Amino acid sequence: MDSTIQSGKTQVIFGLLEEVNFIEILRQKFPESKFIIITDEQVSSLWSQSLVTRFDVLSKADILEIPSGEENKNLEICQGLWSALSEYKINRNDVIINLGGGVVTDLGGFVASTFKRGLHFINIPTTLLAQVDASVGGKTGIDLDGYKNQIGLFAEPDLVFISAEFFSTLDEQQKLSGFAEMLKHALIADQNYWKSLNKISSFSDDEFATHVFNSVKIKNNFVTKDFKEQGLRKKLNFGHTLGHAIEGYYLLNNKPVLHGIAVAMGMIGEAYISQKTGLLSEKDLNEIVEVISHYFRKFMVDIPSYDELKGYLQNDKKNRSESVNFTLLTSIGSAEIDQYPANDLVKDAIEFIQKNGDKN
């Protein structure tokens, strides 16, 4: 397996940190820089001290902790971090290291790219979801009033390090949250990859590391061809229109749902819409529902009604006018962007998720 992927200006490096010359890379690229580590409370307790003690280049790094959870991906937290960077007299030659899951890399990248009009930043994603989803593409941002990623910008990190060592502290639900994005990559781009993922029984062996690399490679193929999401990159939104609405609803009601769990449910609903609009065969729909239900059923949440989700759907940033924009499947391994199904069909899809997400 290759050990690096080039994504725009970002070098994505795969492997255990000790084995990929982590210290030497930082010294060569940033010889005179100060390092600031942005992390959350949960990750900090597990990994921050390990990093600063194992790698002397980080021995003097300041650590900025934010509260854990999607509900803290907001402007108030950003203001606190910007104030801390000012207090530490951080300048444009210095480097932010975002150590954590997607909340940390999204928010930390946004903080770094807006402070003094842009600092260098490095992402070290510690969840499977962040490794396969947030590692490439340059999306940074924060939530607003329960709506996902409403404020943000495209800004690429200088480096991303993807290491399997962080899997040891992830529970089954967190691993599945990332696995949902891997299934999505397969559904929109590679039927053979879909077949190989269906056989997964362990998220920690050497073969799984190859799957992680393949998922990042698939996503990178989309984002390098369409960085600002004007066309091809929209295929990556499959499962996310309904998924973000479900996630946003629970976030605003103080019952956060992991992103990948919501996306898994969204993929069931959007595969249903794909079939009902004549794009996807019933055979493929049944296979998709069977596979996703097999992995995710015990973690699925109760689906709100269409009326409860309607506002979230209408406020999705991908929309055109008042029409809700979907990416739909034409087969397992192929997708079509900019689809606008009727509201009644979207309502039926939500009921379909309710039926197929029944945990009993």
Protein backbone atom coordinates (compact mmCIF):
# COMPACT_ATOMS: atom_id res chain seq x y z
CA MET A 1 0.00 0.00 0.00
CA ASP A 2 1.21 3.52 -0.78
CA SER A 3 1.85 5.63 2.30
CA THR A 4 0.89 9.08 1.00
CA ILE A 5 -1.81 10.82 -1.01
CA GLN A 6 -1.38 14.32 -2.41
CA SER A 7 -4.58 16.35 -2.16
CA GLY A 8 -4.09 19.85 -3.51
CA LYS A 9 -1.42 21.42 -1.33
CA THR A 10 -2.02 18.83 1.41
CA GLN A 11 0.17 15.78 1.90
CA VAL A 12 -1.84 13.00 3.55
CA ILE A 13 0.52 10.58 5.28
CA PHE A 14 -0.59 7.10 6.41
CA GLY A 15 1.07 5.03 9.13
CA LEU A 16 2.07 5.05 12.78
CA LEU A 17 3.56 8.44 13.67
CA GLU A 18 6.91 6.96 14.74
CA GLU A 19 7.15 5.08 11.45
CA VAL A 20 6.45 8.01 9.11
CA ASN A 21 9.20 10.32 10.42
CA PHE A 22 6.72 12.64 12.13
CA ILE A 23 9.42 14.61 13.97
CA GLU A 24 11.62 15.07 10.92
CA ILE A 25 8.72 16.21 8.75
CA LEU A 26 7.70 18.89 11.25
CA ARG A 27 11.29 20.09 11.69
CA GLN A 28 11.91 20.30 7.97
CA LYS A 29 8.68 22.09 7.09
CA PHE A 30 8.41 24.35 10.15
CA PRO A 31 11.91 24.83 11.58
CA GLU A 32 11.21 28.14 13.37
CA SER A 33 7.56 27.77 14.24
CA LYS A 34 5.71 27.51 17.50
CA PHE A 35 3.10 24.77 17.72
CA ILE A 36 -0.36 25.06 19.26
CA ILE A 37 -2.42 21.89 19.71
CA ILE A 38 -6.20 22.31 19.54
CA THR A 39 -8.06 19.30 20.90
CA ASP A 40 -11.12 18.43 22.93
CA GLU A 41 -11.29 17.32 26.53
CA GLN A 42 -11.86 13.66 25.74
CA VAL A 43 -9.07 13.33 23.19
CA SER A 44 -6.71 15.42 25.31
CA SER A 45 -6.99 13.00 28.22
CA LEU A 46 -6.09 10.11 25.92
CA TRP A 47 -3.54 11.48 23.46
CA SER A 48 -2.25 15.03 24.03
CA GLN A 49 0.34 14.18 26.66
CA SER A 50 1.38 11.15 24.65
CA LEU A 51 2.16 13.39 21.68
CA VAL A 52 4.14 16.01 23.57
CA THR A 53 6.16 13.42 25.50
CA ARG A 54 6.86 11.11 22.56
CA PHE A 55 7.91 13.83 20.12
CA ASP A 56 10.35 16.43 21.38
CA VAL A 57 9.46 18.85 18.59
CA LEU A 58 6.15 19.31 20.44
CA SER A 59 7.56 19.41 23.97
CA LYS A 60 6.90 23.15 24.25
CA ALA A 61 3.56 23.14 22.42
CA ASP A 62 0.65 24.85 24.14
CA ILE A 63 -2.52 22.77 24.34
CA LEU A 64 -5.91 24.43 23.90
CA GLU A 65 -8.82 22.23 24.99
CA ILE A 66 -12.42 22.71 23.94
CA PRO A 67 -15.45 20.84 25.30
CA SER A 68 -16.24 17.59 23.49
CA GLY A 69 -19.25 17.22 21.21
CA GLU A 70 -20.87 18.61 18.05
CA GLU A 71 -22.84 21.11 20.13
CA ASN A 72 -19.55 22.92 20.82
CA LYS A 73 -18.75 23.48 17.14
CA ASN A 74 -19.86 27.11 17.36
CA LEU A 75 -18.73 30.71 17.15
CA GLU A 76 -18.39 31.14 20.92
CA ILE A 77 -15.76 28.40 21.08
CA CYS A 78 -13.95 29.97 18.11
CA GLN A 79 -13.84 33.34 19.88
CA GLY A 80 -12.24 31.73 22.91
CA LEU A 81 -9.59 30.09 20.75
CA TRP A 82 -8.83 33.28 18.81
CA SER A 83 -8.38 35.13 22.11
CA ALA A 84 -6.01 32.44 23.35
CA LEU A 85 -3.95 32.64 20.14
CA SER A 86 -3.67 36.40 20.63
CA GLU A 87 -2.61 35.90 24.24
CA TYR A 88 0.10 33.45 23.16
CA LYS A 89 1.27 35.98 20.53
CA ILE A 90 0.86 33.47 17.70
CA ASN A 91 1.96 34.82 14.33
CA ARG A 92 1.51 33.70 10.74
CA ASN A 93 4.67 31.60 10.83
CA ASP A 94 3.30 29.41 13.61
CA VAL A 95 1.36 26.18 13.27
CA ILE A 96 -1.94 24.88 14.63
CA ILE A 97 -2.17 21.10 15.11
CA ASN A 98 -5.78 19.90 15.24
CA LEU A 99 -5.85 16.66 17.22
CA GLY A 100 -9.27 15.06 17.37
CA GLY A 101 -12.35 14.05 15.44
CA GLY A 102 -14.25 15.97 12.80
CA VAL A 103 -15.48 18.62 15.22
CA VAL A 104 -11.91 19.52 16.13
CA THR A 105 -10.53 19.40 12.58
CA ASP A 106 -13.48 21.39 11.15
CA LEU A 107 -13.46 24.02 13.89
CA GLY A 108 -9.68 24.09 14.35
CA GLY A 109 -9.15 24.49 10.62
CA PHE A 110 -11.64 27.36 10.58
CA VAL A 111 -9.92 29.05 13.53
CA ALA A 112 -6.47 28.65 11.95
CA SER A 113 -7.51 29.81 8.49
CA THR A 114 -9.22 32.97 9.76
CA PHE A 115 -6.77 34.07 12.48
CA LYS A 116 -4.49 36.82 11.09
CA ARG A 117 -5.86 35.85 7.65
CA GLY A 118 -4.46 32.36 7.85
CA LEU A 119 -2.06 30.20 9.82
CA HIS A 120 -0.46 26.94 8.80
CA PHE A 121 -2.36 24.01 10.22
CA ILE A 122 -1.97 20.23 10.48
CA ASN A 123 -4.75 17.73 11.10
CA ILE A 124 -4.25 14.54 13.08
CA PRO A 125 -7.70 12.92 12.96
CA THR A 126 -8.30 10.53 15.84
CA THR A 127 -11.63 9.02 14.74
CA LEU A 128 -12.29 6.78 11.78
CA LEU A 129 -14.92 9.26 10.58
CA ALA A 130 -12.45 12.15 10.56
CA GLN A 131 -9.82 10.02 8.84
CA VAL A 132 -11.99 8.95 5.91
CA ASP A 133 -14.21 12.04 5.66
CA ALA A 134 -12.54 15.20 6.97
CA SER A 135 -8.96 14.35 6.00
CA VAL A 136 -9.19 15.72 2.45
CA GLY A 137 -11.32 18.36 0.79
CA GLY A 138 -10.43 21.53 2.66
CA LYS A 139 -13.81 22.08 4.29
CA THR A 140 -13.65 23.95 7.58
CA GLY A 141 -16.51 25.44 9.52
CA ILE A 142 -18.94 25.59 12.39
CA ASP A 143 -22.66 25.02 13.01
CA LEU A 144 -25.28 27.72 13.49
CA ASP A 145 -28.63 27.32 15.27
CA GLY A 146 -28.62 23.56 14.85
CA TYR A 147 -27.79 23.70 11.13
CA LYS A 148 -24.63 21.87 10.13
CA ASN A 149 -21.61 23.76 8.77
CA GLN A 150 -23.45 26.98 8.00
CA ILE A 151 -20.36 29.17 8.52
CA GLY A 152 -17.03 28.18 7.05
CA LEU A 153 -14.61 28.27 4.18
CA PHE A 154 -12.42 26.08 2.04
CA ALA A 155 -8.90 25.95 3.49
CA GLU A 156 -6.40 23.12 3.08
CA PRO A 157 -4.14 21.89 5.88
CA ASP A 158 -0.45 21.59 5.14
CA LEU A 159 -0.30 18.01 6.40
CA VAL A 160 -2.66 15.27 7.52
CA PHE A 161 -1.43 12.24 9.47
CA ILE A 162 -3.67 9.15 9.45
CA SER A 163 -2.63 6.55 12.00
CA ALA A 164 -4.40 3.37 13.09
CA GLU A 165 -3.04 3.80 16.63
CA PHE A 166 -6.04 5.97 17.50
CA PHE A 167 -8.51 3.13 16.82
CA SER A 168 -7.67 1.57 20.18
CA THR A 169 -9.72 4.19 22.03
CA LEU A 170 -12.79 4.13 19.75
CA ASP A 171 -15.94 2.25 20.71
CA GLU A 172 -18.06 0.28 18.23
CA GLN A 173 -20.46 3.15 17.56
CA GLN A 174 -17.61 5.56 16.73
CA LYS A 175 -16.05 3.04 14.36
CA LEU A 176 -19.38 2.49 12.64
CA SER A 177 -19.82 6.24 12.29
CA GLY A 178 -16.72 6.31 10.11
CA PHE A 179 -17.65 3.08 8.37
CA ALA A 180 -20.84 4.76 7.13
CA GLU A 181 -18.76 7.21 5.10
CA MET A 182 -16.71 4.34 3.69
CA LEU A 183 -19.90 2.59 2.55
CA LYS A 184 -21.00 5.87 0.97
CA HIS A 185 -17.74 6.12 -0.96
CA ALA A 186 -18.33 2.63 -2.32
CA LEU A 187 -21.98 3.29 -3.20
CA ILE A 188 -21.19 6.39 -5.26
CA ALA A 189 -17.97 5.23 -6.90
CA ASP A 190 -16.95 1.57 -6.74
CA GLN A 191 -19.13 -1.55 -6.76
CA ASN A 192 -16.17 -3.85 -6.06
CA TYR A 193 -15.22 -1.76 -3.03
CA TRP A 194 -18.81 -2.10 -1.80
CA LYS A 195 -18.53 -5.88 -2.06
CA SER A 196 -15.27 -5.92 -0.11
CA LEU A 197 -16.66 -3.70 2.66
CA ASN A 198 -19.66 -5.98 3.07
CA LYS A 199 -17.30 -8.67 4.33
CA ILE A 200 -15.77 -6.50 7.08
CA SER A 201 -15.80 -8.12 10.51
CA SER A 202 -12.96 -6.21 12.17
CA PHE A 203 -12.04 -2.52 12.16
CA SER A 204 -8.48 -3.02 13.35
CA ASP A 205 -6.61 -5.49 11.11
CA ASP A 206 -4.11 -4.68 8.37
CA GLU A 207 -6.71 -5.19 5.63
CA PHE A 208 -8.92 -2.53 7.16
CA ALA A 209 -6.05 -0.01 7.00
CA THR A 210 -6.03 -0.63 3.24
CA HIS A 211 -9.77 0.10 3.12
CA VAL A 212 -9.18 3.40 4.93
CA PHE A 213 -6.56 4.33 2.34
CA ASN A 214 -8.95 3.38 -0.48
CA SER A 215 -11.74 5.53 0.96
CA VAL A 216 -9.50 8.58 1.24
CA LYS A 217 -8.31 7.94 -2.32
CA ILE A 218 -11.91 7.84 -3.60
CA LYS A 219 -12.85 11.05 -1.83
CA ASN A 220 -9.67 12.73 -3.00
CA ASN A 221 -10.51 11.86 -6.60
CA PHE A 222 -13.73 13.87 -6.28
CA VAL A 223 -12.36 16.86 -4.39
CA THR A 224 -9.27 17.40 -6.53
CA LYS A 225 -11.44 17.54 -9.66
CA ASP A 226 -14.06 19.83 -8.09
CA PHE A 227 -12.64 21.55 -5.02
CA LYS A 228 -15.41 24.15 -4.59
CA GLU A 229 -18.22 21.59 -5.02
CA GLN A 230 -19.72 22.97 -8.21
CA GLY A 231 -20.40 19.59 -9.82
CA LEU A 232 -18.72 16.20 -9.42
CA ARG A 233 -17.92 16.64 -5.72
CA LYS A 234 -21.64 16.85 -4.95
CA LYS A 235 -21.75 13.05 -5.33
CA LEU A 236 -20.17 12.89 -1.88
CA ASN A 237 -23.41 14.34 -0.50
CA PHE A 238 -25.30 11.06 -0.93
CA GLY A 239 -27.02 10.25 2.37
CA HIS A 240 -26.26 13.69 3.77
CA THR A 241 -29.38 15.65 2.88
CA LEU A 242 -31.59 13.49 5.09
CA GLY A 243 -28.65 12.63 7.35
CA HIS A 244 -27.83 16.25 8.16
CA ALA A 245 -31.51 16.98 8.81
CA ILE A 246 -31.71 14.10 11.31
CA GLU A 247 -28.42 15.14 12.89
CA GLY A 248 -29.48 18.79 13.11
CA TYR A 249 -32.85 17.94 14.66
CA TYR A 250 -31.25 15.92 17.44
CA LEU A 251 -28.48 18.47 17.96
CA LEU A 252 -30.98 21.29 18.48
CA ASN A 253 -32.94 19.08 20.88
CA ASN A 254 -29.80 18.40 22.95
CA LYS A 255 -29.63 14.72 21.99
CA PRO A 256 -26.65 14.63 19.60
CA VAL A 257 -26.42 11.72 17.17
CA LEU A 258 -23.08 10.66 15.68
CA HIS A 259 -22.71 11.96 12.14
CA GLY A 260 -22.15 8.55 10.55
CA ILE A 261 -25.18 7.02 12.24
CA ALA A 262 -27.37 9.81 10.84
CA VAL A 263 -25.78 9.41 7.40
CA ALA A 264 -26.40 5.65 7.45
CA MET A 265 -30.09 6.36 8.03
CA GLY A 266 -29.98 9.05 5.36
CA MET A 267 -28.52 6.59 2.85
CA ILE A 268 -31.44 4.22 3.41
CA GLY A 269 -33.91 7.02 2.73
CA GLU A 270 -32.07 8.43 -0.25
CA ALA A 271 -31.63 4.97 -1.78
CA TYR A 272 -35.40 4.62 -1.47
CA ILE A 273 -35.91 7.93 -3.30
CA SER A 274 -33.43 6.74 -5.94
CA GLN A 275 -35.50 3.61 -6.54
CA LYS A 276 -38.87 5.39 -6.56
CA THR A 277 -37.64 7.93 -9.12
CA GLY A 278 -36.57 5.10 -11.43
CA LEU A 279 -32.83 5.62 -11.07
CA LEU A 280 -32.01 2.57 -8.92
CA SER A 281 -33.19 -1.01 -9.23
CA GLU A 282 -35.27 -2.59 -6.49
CA LYS A 283 -32.62 -5.32 -6.19
CA ASP A 284 -29.92 -2.74 -5.42
CA LEU A 285 -32.20 -0.94 -2.96
CA ASN A 286 -32.87 -4.16 -1.06
CA GLU A 287 -29.16 -4.96 -0.92
CA ILE A 288 -28.27 -1.49 0.36
CA VAL A 289 -30.95 -1.59 3.05
CA GLU A 290 -29.92 -5.10 4.11
CA VAL A 291 -26.22 -4.21 4.45
CA ILE A 292 -26.72 -0.90 6.26
CA SER A 293 -29.34 -2.39 8.59
CA HIS A 294 -26.99 -5.28 9.40
CA TYR A 295 -24.27 -2.96 10.66
CA PHE A 296 -26.24 -0.03 12.07
CA ARG A 297 -29.67 -1.13 13.25
CA LYS A 298 -28.91 -1.26 16.97
CA PHE A 299 -27.58 2.32 16.90
CA MET A 300 -30.34 3.87 14.79
CA VAL A 301 -32.49 6.53 16.47
CA ASP A 302 -36.19 7.27 16.16
CA ILE A 303 -36.77 9.32 13.02
CA PRO A 304 -38.63 12.63 13.45
CA SER A 305 -41.60 13.29 11.21
CA TYR A 306 -41.31 15.04 7.86
CA ASP A 307 -42.83 18.18 9.37
CA GLU A 308 -40.18 18.17 12.12
CA LEU A 309 -37.35 17.75 9.58
CA LYS A 310 -38.76 20.06 6.90
CA GLY A 311 -37.03 23.20 8.17
CA TYR A 312 -33.65 21.47 8.29
CA LEU A 313 -34.11 20.11 4.76
CA GLN A 314 -35.11 23.50 3.38
CA ASN A 315 -32.13 25.21 5.01
CA ASP A 316 -29.58 22.78 3.59
CA LYS A 317 -26.76 24.74 1.99
CA LYS A 318 -26.90 22.60 -1.19
CA ASN A 319 -30.42 23.74 -2.10
CA ARG A 320 -31.51 25.83 -5.06
CA SER A 321 -34.32 28.24 -4.27
CA GLU A 322 -36.90 26.30 -2.19
CA SER A 323 -36.18 22.92 -3.79
CA VAL A 324 -34.27 20.38 -1.71
CA ASN A 325 -31.17 19.10 -3.52
CA PHE A 326 -30.30 15.39 -3.36
CA THR A 327 -27.57 13.20 -4.75
CA LEU A 328 -29.19 9.90 -5.74
CA LEU A 329 -27.89 6.52 -6.83
CA THR A 330 -28.24 5.11 -10.34
CA SER A 331 -26.68 1.78 -9.28
CA ILE A 332 -24.36 0.48 -6.60
CA GLY A 333 -21.16 2.33 -7.55
CA SER A 334 -22.72 5.23 -9.45
CA ALA A 335 -24.58 8.42 -8.49
CA GLU A 336 -26.34 11.39 -10.06
CA ILE A 337 -26.18 14.93 -8.62
CA ASP A 338 -28.72 17.77 -8.47
CA GLN A 339 -31.91 15.76 -8.09
CA TYR A 340 -35.05 17.45 -6.77
CA PRO A 341 -37.66 14.85 -5.78
CA ALA A 342 -41.19 15.85 -4.85
CA ASN A 343 -41.86 16.64 -1.19
CA ASP A 344 -44.33 13.75 -0.93
CA LEU A 345 -41.58 11.34 -1.98
CA VAL A 346 -39.21 12.77 0.62
CA LYS A 347 -41.95 12.27 3.20
CA ASP A 348 -42.35 8.65 2.07
CA ALA A 349 -38.59 8.18 2.36
CA ILE A 350 -38.64 9.32 5.99
CA GLU A 351 -41.39 6.78 6.69
CA PHE A 352 -39.28 4.14 4.89
CA ILE A 353 -36.35 4.88 7.21
CA GLN A 354 -38.68 4.60 10.20
CA LYS A 355 -39.78 1.17 9.02
CA ASN A 356 -36.30 -0.13 8.23
CA GLY A 357 -34.65 1.47 11.24
CA ASP A 358 -36.91 -0.39 13.66
CA LYS A 359 -34.54 -1.79 16.27
CA ASN A 360 -37.02 -4.42 17.50
